[in-house]
């Protein structure tokens, strides 16, 4: 039993309306506490590279929480038994995943390089600028960690849902 188009739209609108104020708060926190983020990154185990790897991995894991909540909601009949969740648990996964994703994605996105033609001047008290200019290798390691964790998690989810579909498929009679 898949959910209807109207139900999908309703859930999507609620998700967007919930995300916008959190995104604004995350941007403001990243801007206002840039120096604190820099200090945290420098004191982190593994230094700035370790901080960026942690940021990328946590962001990917939070995205996977959202994916689990959405898949379990959209395809309850194809959900593996170990992922069957109550409505309250699904909502908790989605909200927690959304909060963590946004709060980690904003500082991570601030480290992306600027477009050609934009001013080369950069305020080193800002987290993104500092990481781009001083620890560019750490920025790359954070993005690589995000991609690797997201890829591994996506493969794991695909295998879980596929295995359950095969187990539920009727066996052909000779």
Protein backbone atom coordinates (compact mmCIF):
# COMPACT_ATOMS: atom_id res chain seq x y z
CA UNK A 1 0.00 0.00 0.00
CA UNK A 2 1.85 3.06 -1.28
CA UNK A 3 0.83 6.50 -0.07
CA UNK A 4 -1.25 8.74 -2.34
CA UNK A 5 0.05 11.76 -4.25
CA UNK A 6 -1.97 14.10 -2.03
CA UNK A 7 -0.50 12.55 1.12
CA UNK A 8 3.02 12.84 -0.34
CA UNK A 9 2.45 16.53 -1.09
CA UNK A 10 1.07 17.16 2.40
CA UNK A 11 4.09 15.52 4.06
CA UNK A 12 6.51 17.36 1.77
CA UNK A 13 4.95 20.74 2.54
CA UNK A 14 5.14 20.09 6.28
CA UNK A 15 8.78 19.07 5.92
CA UNK A 16 9.67 22.24 4.02
CA UNK A 17 7.79 24.48 6.45
CA UNK A 18 9.60 22.81 9.35
CA UNK A 19 13.02 23.09 7.67
CA UNK A 20 13.03 26.76 6.66
CA UNK A 21 13.28 28.31 10.16
CA UNK A 22 15.87 25.71 11.21
CA UNK A 23 17.94 26.51 8.14
CA UNK A 24 17.83 30.24 8.94
CA UNK A 25 18.92 29.54 12.53
CA UNK A 26 21.76 27.30 11.32
CA UNK A 27 23.02 30.00 8.95
CA UNK A 28 22.89 32.65 11.67
CA UNK A 29 24.69 30.39 14.15
CA UNK A 30 27.40 29.57 11.62
CA UNK A 31 27.93 33.26 10.87
CA UNK A 32 27.81 34.45 14.49
CA UNK A 33 29.88 31.66 15.99
CA UNK A 34 32.47 31.29 13.23
CA UNK A 35 35.40 31.88 15.58
CA UNK A 36 34.03 29.33 18.05
CA UNK A 37 33.68 26.77 15.25
CA UNK A 38 37.29 27.46 14.23
CA UNK A 39 38.47 26.90 17.82
CA UNK A 40 36.41 23.73 18.07
CA UNK A 41 37.86 22.44 14.77
CA UNK A 42 41.43 23.15 15.86
CA UNK A 43 40.93 21.44 19.24
CA UNK A 44 39.07 18.44 17.74
CA UNK A 45 40.83 15.04 17.84
CA UNK A 46 42.56 14.89 14.49
CA UNK A 47 42.49 18.67 14.17
CA UNK A 48 40.49 20.43 11.46
CA UNK A 49 40.63 17.36 9.21
CA UNK A 50 39.14 15.18 11.95
CA UNK A 51 36.46 17.82 12.59
CA UNK A 52 35.50 17.99 8.92
CA UNK A 53 35.42 14.18 8.61
CA UNK A 54 33.16 14.03 11.67
CA UNK A 55 30.93 16.78 10.28
CA UNK A 56 30.61 14.99 6.92
CA UNK A 57 29.97 11.57 8.45
CA UNK A 58 27.36 12.87 10.91
CA UNK A 59 25.62 14.77 8.11
CA UNK A 60 25.42 11.63 5.96
CA UNK A 61 24.16 9.49 8.86
CA UNK A 62 21.46 12.05 9.63
CA UNK A 63 20.38 12.00 5.97
CA UNK A 64 20.14 8.22 6.21
CA UNK A 65 17.85 8.58 9.26
CA UNK A 66 15.54 10.72 7.16
CA UNK A 67 15.71 8.18 4.32
CA UNK A 68 14.79 5.34 6.68
CA UNK A 69 11.81 7.29 8.04
CA UNK A 70 10.60 8.10 4.51
CA UNK A 71 11.08 4.59 3.11
CA UNK A 72 9.33 2.94 6.04
CA UNK A 73 6.43 5.38 5.68
CA UNK A 74 6.15 5.08 1.89
CA UNK A 75 6.56 1.29 1.62
CA UNK A 76 5.34 -0.38 4.80
CA UNK A 77 4.76 -3.70 3.02
CA UNK A 78 8.35 -3.78 1.71
CA UNK A 79 9.96 -2.71 4.97
CA UNK A 80 12.29 -5.30 6.49
CA UNK A 81 11.18 -6.50 9.94
CA UNK A 82 14.18 -4.90 11.66
CA UNK A 83 13.17 -1.48 10.28
CA UNK A 84 9.44 -1.57 11.08
CA UNK A 85 8.87 1.53 13.16
CA UNK A 86 5.89 3.07 14.88
CA UNK A 87 4.59 6.40 13.64
CA UNK A 88 6.08 8.23 16.62
CA UNK A 89 9.51 6.64 16.05
CA UNK A 90 9.41 7.51 12.34
CA UNK A 91 8.56 11.09 13.19
CA UNK A 92 11.36 11.23 15.76
CA UNK A 93 13.84 9.86 13.18
CA UNK A 94 12.71 12.39 10.58
CA UNK A 95 12.80 15.39 12.92
CA UNK A 96 16.12 14.45 14.55
CA UNK A 97 17.63 13.64 11.17
CA UNK A 98 16.41 16.92 9.75
CA UNK A 99 17.77 18.98 12.63
CA UNK A 100 21.18 17.32 12.56
CA UNK A 101 21.37 17.40 8.76
CA UNK A 102 20.69 21.12 8.57
CA UNK A 103 22.91 22.02 11.53
CA UNK A 104 25.87 20.08 10.07
CA UNK A 105 25.24 20.87 6.39
CA UNK A 106 25.36 24.65 6.78
CA UNK A 107 28.91 24.82 8.20
CA UNK A 108 29.98 22.14 5.73
CA UNK A 109 28.45 24.06 2.79
CA UNK A 110 30.15 27.27 3.94
CA UNK A 111 33.48 25.64 3.06
CA UNK A 112 32.60 25.29 -0.64
CA UNK A 113 34.80 27.37 -2.94
CA UNK A 114 33.49 30.68 -4.21
CA UNK A 115 32.49 31.19 -7.83
CA UNK A 116 34.83 32.80 -10.31
CA UNK A 117 34.54 36.57 -10.28
CA UNK A 118 33.56 36.88 -6.63
CA UNK A 119 35.78 38.92 -4.36
CA UNK A 120 38.98 37.18 -3.31
CA UNK A 121 38.95 38.97 0.03
CA UNK A 122 37.89 36.67 2.80
CA UNK A 123 37.22 37.24 6.49
CA UNK A 124 39.31 34.60 8.26
CA UNK A 125 37.11 34.90 11.36
CA UNK A 126 34.37 33.12 9.40
CA UNK A 127 34.43 29.33 9.57
CA UNK A 128 34.01 28.63 5.86
CA UNK A 129 36.61 31.16 4.75
CA UNK A 130 39.12 30.03 7.37
CA UNK A 131 38.74 26.38 6.42
CA UNK A 132 38.99 27.14 2.66
CA UNK A 133 42.04 29.34 3.01
CA UNK A 134 44.00 27.70 5.85
CA UNK A 135 42.89 24.05 5.88
CA UNK A 136 41.76 23.29 2.32
CA UNK A 137 42.88 19.66 2.68
CA UNK A 138 40.59 19.25 5.67
CA UNK A 139 37.65 20.56 3.64
CA UNK A 140 38.21 17.89 1.01
CA UNK A 141 38.39 15.15 3.64
CA UNK A 142 35.04 16.26 5.08
CA UNK A 143 33.31 16.10 1.72
CA UNK A 144 34.88 12.73 0.92
CA UNK A 145 33.67 11.36 4.28
CA UNK A 146 30.14 12.61 3.56
CA UNK A 147 30.09 10.92 0.15
CA UNK A 148 31.55 7.62 1.38
CA UNK A 149 29.20 7.30 4.36
CA UNK A 150 26.18 8.28 2.27
CA UNK A 151 27.14 5.78 -0.45
CA UNK A 152 27.71 2.92 2.01
CA UNK A 153 24.49 3.69 3.88
CA UNK A 154 22.47 3.90 0.67
CA UNK A 155 23.81 0.55 -0.49
CA UNK A 156 22.95 -0.98 2.87
CA UNK A 157 19.38 0.34 2.74
CA UNK A 158 18.96 -0.83 -0.86
CA UNK A 159 20.16 -4.32 0.06
CA UNK A 160 17.85 -4.50 3.09
CA UNK A 161 14.77 -3.45 1.12
CA UNK A 162 15.69 -5.65 -1.86
CA UNK A 163 16.29 -8.72 0.33
CA UNK A 164 12.89 -8.24 1.97
CA UNK A 165 11.21 -7.92 -1.44
CA UNK A 166 12.79 -11.20 -2.58
CA UNK A 167 11.72 -12.96 0.63
CA UNK A 168 8.13 -11.74 0.16
CA UNK A 169 7.89 -12.62 -3.54
CA UNK A 170 5.78 -15.70 -4.26
CA UNK A 171 7.83 -18.74 -5.24
CA UNK A 172 7.20 -20.16 -8.71
CA UNK A 173 5.58 -23.56 -8.69
CA UNK A 174 7.06 -26.15 -11.17
